[in-house]
Amino acid sequence: MLVVMSDTPVKQQNTAAFYGQAVASFAVAMAATAIGIFRLDADAWVRSFLAIAVLYLVTSAFTLAKVIRDRQEAGQIVSRVDQARLEKLLAEHDPFEKI
């Protein structure tokens, strides 16, 4: 009997502390940027432009992170399908079978 060990990676979960730190860090960064733009010694249209630019940068960063994550997950799915096919072939193969 052939036993095939699977090297399927375990999906890693973020801890609650890591999630909380990421949310807090994002909130502090956005608040500091907003305060800096608000207190900037410039006309209102300049501050408005900077605020819109920051919001655009943040949404672009979220989109980029999602695209990178999706591409990585798609690669893992293809790898798992290929690995399952190989495991099936190895399980069905009988090295002592006479041809």
N, C-alpha and C. Protein backbone atom coordinates (compact mmCIF):
# COMPACT_ATOMS: atom_id res chain seq x y z
N MET A 1 0.84 -1.18 0.00
CA MET A 1 0.00 0.00 0.00
C MET A 1 0.88 1.24 0.00
N LEU A 2 0.57 2.19 -0.87
CA LEU A 2 1.32 3.40 -1.01
C LEU A 2 0.64 4.52 -0.24
N VAL A 3 1.39 5.14 0.67
CA VAL A 3 0.86 6.26 1.44
C VAL A 3 1.54 7.53 0.92
N VAL A 4 0.73 8.47 0.49
CA VAL A 4 1.26 9.72 -0.04
C VAL A 4 1.07 10.81 1.01
N MET A 5 2.17 11.42 1.38
CA MET A 5 2.11 12.53 2.34
C MET A 5 1.85 13.82 1.58
N SER A 6 0.90 14.57 2.01
CA SER A 6 0.56 15.82 1.34
C SER A 6 1.34 16.97 1.96
N ASP A 7 1.91 17.81 1.10
CA ASP A 7 2.61 18.99 1.56
C ASP A 7 1.75 20.24 1.37
N THR A 8 0.44 20.04 1.44
CA THR A 8 -0.47 21.16 1.26
C THR A 8 -0.25 22.17 2.36
N PRO A 9 0.03 23.42 1.98
CA PRO A 9 0.27 24.42 3.03
C PRO A 9 -0.99 24.71 3.83
N VAL A 10 -0.80 24.92 5.10
CA VAL A 10 -1.91 25.25 5.98
C VAL A 10 -2.20 26.74 5.81
N LYS A 11 -3.48 27.07 5.65
CA LYS A 11 -3.85 28.48 5.50
C LYS A 11 -3.60 29.18 6.82
N GLN A 12 -2.78 30.22 6.76
CA GLN A 12 -2.42 30.93 7.98
C GLN A 12 -3.47 31.98 8.30
N GLN A 13 -3.85 32.04 9.54
CA GLN A 13 -4.82 33.02 10.02
C GLN A 13 -4.07 34.08 10.80
N ASN A 14 -4.47 35.33 10.61
CA ASN A 14 -3.88 36.40 11.40
C ASN A 14 -4.50 36.40 12.79
N THR A 15 -3.67 36.74 13.78
CA THR A 15 -4.18 36.80 15.14
C THR A 15 -5.00 38.07 15.31
N ALA A 16 -5.81 38.09 16.35
CA ALA A 16 -6.62 39.28 16.64
C ALA A 16 -5.73 40.47 16.97
N ALA A 17 -4.60 40.22 17.63
CA ALA A 17 -3.69 41.31 17.97
C ALA A 17 -3.08 41.93 16.71
N PHE A 18 -2.70 41.09 15.74
CA PHE A 18 -2.14 41.60 14.49
C PHE A 18 -3.18 42.40 13.73
N TYR A 19 -4.40 41.89 13.69
CA TYR A 19 -5.49 42.59 13.01
C TYR A 19 -5.73 43.95 13.69
N GLY A 20 -5.78 43.95 15.00
CA GLY A 20 -6.00 45.19 15.76
C GLY A 20 -4.88 46.19 15.53
N GLN A 21 -3.64 45.70 15.48
CA GLN A 21 -2.51 46.58 15.24
C GLN A 21 -2.58 47.20 13.85
N ALA A 22 -2.97 46.41 12.85
CA ALA A 22 -3.08 46.92 11.49
C ALA A 22 -4.16 47.99 11.38
N VAL A 23 -5.30 47.74 12.02
CA VAL A 23 -6.40 48.71 11.99
C VAL A 23 -5.99 49.98 12.73
N ALA A 24 -5.37 49.84 13.89
CA ALA A 24 -4.95 51.00 14.66
C ALA A 24 -3.89 51.81 13.91
N SER A 25 -2.96 51.12 13.29
CA SER A 25 -1.92 51.80 12.53
C SER A 25 -2.51 52.58 11.37
N PHE A 26 -3.46 51.98 10.67
CA PHE A 26 -4.12 52.66 9.57
C PHE A 26 -4.88 53.88 10.07
N ALA A 27 -5.59 53.75 11.17
CA ALA A 27 -6.37 54.86 11.72
C ALA A 27 -5.46 56.00 12.16
N VAL A 28 -4.35 55.69 12.81
CA VAL A 28 -3.42 56.73 13.25
C VAL A 28 -2.81 57.44 12.05
N ALA A 29 -2.42 56.68 11.03
CA ALA A 29 -1.82 57.29 9.84
C ALA A 29 -2.82 58.21 9.13
N MET A 30 -4.06 57.76 8.98
CA MET A 30 -5.07 58.59 8.32
C MET A 30 -5.38 59.84 9.16
N ALA A 31 -5.49 59.68 10.47
CA ALA A 31 -5.77 60.82 11.34
C ALA A 31 -4.63 61.84 11.30
N ALA A 32 -3.39 61.36 11.37
CA ALA A 32 -2.24 62.27 11.33
C ALA A 32 -2.18 63.02 10.00
N THR A 33 -2.46 62.31 8.91
CA THR A 33 -2.45 62.96 7.60
C THR A 33 -3.58 63.99 7.51
N ALA A 34 -4.76 63.64 7.99
CA ALA A 34 -5.89 64.57 7.95
C ALA A 34 -5.61 65.81 8.78
N ILE A 35 -5.04 65.62 9.98
CA ILE A 35 -4.71 66.77 10.83
C ILE A 35 -3.64 67.63 10.17
N GLY A 36 -2.65 66.98 9.57
CA GLY A 36 -1.58 67.72 8.89
C GLY A 36 -2.12 68.54 7.73
N ILE A 37 -3.02 67.96 6.95
CA ILE A 37 -3.62 68.71 5.83
C ILE A 37 -4.50 69.83 6.34
N PHE A 38 -5.28 69.57 7.39
CA PHE A 38 -6.18 70.59 7.94
C PHE A 38 -5.40 71.78 8.50
N ARG A 39 -4.28 71.50 9.17
CA ARG A 39 -3.50 72.57 9.81
C ARG A 39 -2.49 73.20 8.86
N LEU A 40 -2.44 72.74 7.63
CA LEU A 40 -1.49 73.28 6.65
C LEU A 40 -1.81 74.74 6.36
N ASP A 41 -0.77 75.55 6.32
CA ASP A 41 -0.95 76.99 6.04
C ASP A 41 -1.04 77.18 4.53
N ALA A 42 -2.21 76.88 3.99
CA ALA A 42 -2.43 77.00 2.54
C ALA A 42 -3.90 77.29 2.30
N ASP A 43 -4.21 77.65 1.07
CA ASP A 43 -5.61 77.91 0.71
C ASP A 43 -6.44 76.64 0.84
N ALA A 44 -7.75 76.85 0.92
CA ALA A 44 -8.67 75.71 1.08
C ALA A 44 -8.60 74.78 -0.12
N TRP A 45 -8.43 75.32 -1.33
CA TRP A 45 -8.41 74.45 -2.51
C TRP A 45 -7.16 73.57 -2.52
N VAL A 46 -6.05 74.07 -1.96
CA VAL A 46 -4.82 73.26 -1.88
C VAL A 46 -5.02 72.13 -0.88
N ARG A 47 -5.60 72.45 0.26
CA ARG A 47 -5.87 71.41 1.26
C ARG A 47 -6.86 70.38 0.73
N SER A 48 -7.88 70.84 0.00
CA SER A 48 -8.85 69.92 -0.60
C SER A 48 -8.18 69.00 -1.62
N PHE A 49 -7.31 69.56 -2.43
CA PHE A 49 -6.60 68.76 -3.41
C PHE A 49 -5.75 67.69 -2.73
N LEU A 50 -5.05 68.07 -1.68
CA LEU A 50 -4.23 67.10 -0.95
C LEU A 50 -5.08 66.02 -0.30
N ALA A 51 -6.23 66.39 0.24
CA ALA A 51 -7.12 65.40 0.86
C ALA A 51 -7.63 64.40 -0.17
N ILE A 52 -8.02 64.90 -1.34
CA ILE A 52 -8.50 63.99 -2.39
C ILE A 52 -7.36 63.10 -2.88
N ALA A 53 -6.15 63.66 -2.98
CA ALA A 53 -4.99 62.86 -3.40
C ALA A 53 -4.71 61.75 -2.40
N VAL A 54 -4.81 62.04 -1.12
CA VAL A 54 -4.59 61.02 -0.10
C VAL A 54 -5.65 59.92 -0.19
N LEU A 55 -6.90 60.32 -0.36
CA LEU A 55 -7.96 59.31 -0.49
C LEU A 55 -7.75 58.44 -1.72
N TYR A 56 -7.32 59.03 -2.82
CA TYR A 56 -7.03 58.27 -4.04
C TYR A 56 -5.87 57.31 -3.81
N LEU A 57 -4.85 57.76 -3.11
CA LEU A 57 -3.71 56.91 -2.80
C LEU A 57 -4.12 55.72 -1.94
N VAL A 58 -4.96 55.97 -0.95
CA VAL A 58 -5.41 54.89 -0.06
C VAL A 58 -6.24 53.86 -0.82
N THR A 59 -7.18 54.32 -1.65
CA THR A 59 -8.01 53.36 -2.40
C THR A 59 -7.15 52.60 -3.41
N SER A 60 -6.16 53.24 -4.00
CA SER A 60 -5.26 52.55 -4.92
C SER A 60 -4.44 51.50 -4.20
N ALA A 61 -4.00 51.80 -2.99
CA ALA A 61 -3.23 50.83 -2.21
C ALA A 61 -4.07 49.61 -1.86
N PHE A 62 -5.33 49.84 -1.47
CA PHE A 62 -6.22 48.70 -1.17
C PHE A 62 -6.45 47.85 -2.41
N THR A 63 -6.65 48.49 -3.55
CA THR A 63 -6.86 47.75 -4.79
C THR A 63 -5.62 46.95 -5.16
N LEU A 64 -4.45 47.54 -5.05
CA LEU A 64 -3.21 46.83 -5.36
C LEU A 64 -3.02 45.63 -4.43
N ALA A 65 -3.29 45.80 -3.15
CA ALA A 65 -3.15 44.69 -2.21
C ALA A 65 -4.12 43.57 -2.56
N LYS A 66 -5.33 43.89 -2.95
CA LYS A 66 -6.31 42.87 -3.32
C LYS A 66 -5.89 42.13 -4.58
N VAL A 67 -5.38 42.86 -5.57
CA VAL A 67 -4.94 42.22 -6.82
C VAL A 67 -3.77 41.27 -6.56
N ILE A 68 -2.83 41.71 -5.74
CA ILE A 68 -1.68 40.84 -5.41
C ILE A 68 -2.16 39.60 -4.67
N ARG A 69 -3.06 39.77 -3.71
CA ARG A 69 -3.58 38.62 -2.96
C ARG A 69 -4.32 37.65 -3.87
N ASP A 70 -5.16 38.18 -4.76
CA ASP A 70 -5.91 37.33 -5.68
C ASP A 70 -4.99 36.55 -6.60
N ARG A 71 -3.94 37.20 -7.10
CA ARG A 71 -2.98 36.51 -7.97
C ARG A 71 -2.26 35.40 -7.21
N GLN A 72 -1.89 35.66 -5.96
CA GLN A 72 -1.21 34.66 -5.16
C GLN A 72 -2.14 33.47 -4.88
N GLU A 73 -3.39 33.73 -4.54
CA GLU A 73 -4.35 32.66 -4.28
C GLU A 73 -4.61 31.83 -5.53
N ALA A 74 -4.68 32.47 -6.71
CA ALA A 74 -4.89 31.74 -7.95
C ALA A 74 -3.72 30.81 -8.22
N GLY A 75 -2.51 31.26 -7.93
CA GLY A 75 -1.33 30.41 -8.10
C GLY A 75 -1.34 29.22 -7.17
N GLN A 76 -1.84 29.40 -5.95
CA GLN A 76 -1.92 28.30 -5.00
C GLN A 76 -2.96 27.28 -5.45
N ILE A 77 -4.06 27.73 -6.04
CA ILE A 77 -5.10 26.81 -6.50
C ILE A 77 -4.56 25.94 -7.63
N VAL A 78 -3.86 26.54 -8.59
CA VAL A 78 -3.28 25.78 -9.70
C VAL A 78 -2.28 24.78 -9.15
N SER A 79 -1.47 25.19 -8.20
CA SER A 79 -0.48 24.30 -7.60
C SER A 79 -1.16 23.13 -6.90
N ARG A 80 -2.26 23.36 -6.21
CA ARG A 80 -2.97 22.29 -5.51
C ARG A 80 -3.59 21.30 -6.49
N VAL A 81 -4.12 21.81 -7.62
CA VAL A 81 -4.70 20.91 -8.63
C VAL A 81 -3.61 20.03 -9.22
N ASP A 82 -2.47 20.62 -9.56
CA ASP A 82 -1.35 19.83 -10.09
C ASP A 82 -0.86 18.80 -9.08
N GLN A 83 -0.81 19.20 -7.81
CA GLN A 83 -0.36 18.28 -6.77
C GLN A 83 -1.36 17.14 -6.60
N ALA A 84 -2.66 17.43 -6.66
CA ALA A 84 -3.67 16.38 -6.53
C ALA A 84 -3.57 15.39 -7.69
N ARG A 85 -3.32 15.87 -8.90
CA ARG A 85 -3.16 14.98 -10.05
C ARG A 85 -1.95 14.07 -9.86
N LEU A 86 -0.85 14.63 -9.40
CA LEU A 86 0.34 13.84 -9.16
C LEU A 86 0.10 12.80 -8.08
N GLU A 87 -0.57 13.17 -7.01
CA GLU A 87 -0.86 12.22 -5.93
C GLU A 87 -1.76 11.09 -6.44
N LYS A 88 -2.71 11.41 -7.30
CA LYS A 88 -3.59 10.38 -7.86
C LYS A 88 -2.80 9.42 -8.72
N LEU A 89 -1.91 9.94 -9.56
CA LEU A 89 -1.08 9.07 -10.40
C LEU A 89 -0.19 8.17 -9.57
N LEU A 90 0.40 8.74 -8.52
CA LEU A 90 1.26 7.93 -7.66
C LEU A 90 0.47 6.87 -6.91
N ALA A 91 -0.74 7.20 -6.49
CA ALA A 91 -1.56 6.24 -5.76
C ALA A 91 -2.01 5.09 -6.66
N GLU A 92 -2.25 5.39 -7.94
CA GLU A 92 -2.72 4.35 -8.86
C GLU A 92 -1.58 3.53 -9.45
N HIS A 93 -0.35 4.00 -9.32
CA HIS A 93 0.78 3.30 -9.92
C HIS A 93 1.18 2.09 -9.09
N ASP A 94 1.35 0.96 -9.74
CA ASP A 94 1.81 -0.26 -9.08
C ASP A 94 3.16 -0.61 -9.67
N PRO A 95 4.25 -0.41 -8.93
CA PRO A 95 5.59 -0.66 -9.50
C PRO A 95 5.84 -2.14 -9.77
N PHE A 96 5.08 -3.04 -9.16
CA PHE A 96 5.30 -4.47 -9.33
C PHE A 96 4.37 -5.09 -10.38
N GLU A 97 3.60 -4.25 -11.05
CA GLU A 97 2.69 -4.74 -12.09
C GLU A 97 3.50 -5.21 -13.29
N LYS A 98 3.17 -6.40 -13.80
CA LYS A 98 3.86 -6.93 -14.98
C LYS A 98 3.17 -6.39 -16.21
N ILE A 99 3.98 -5.96 -17.14
CA ILE A 99 3.43 -5.40 -18.37
C ILE A 99 3.24 -6.47 -19.41
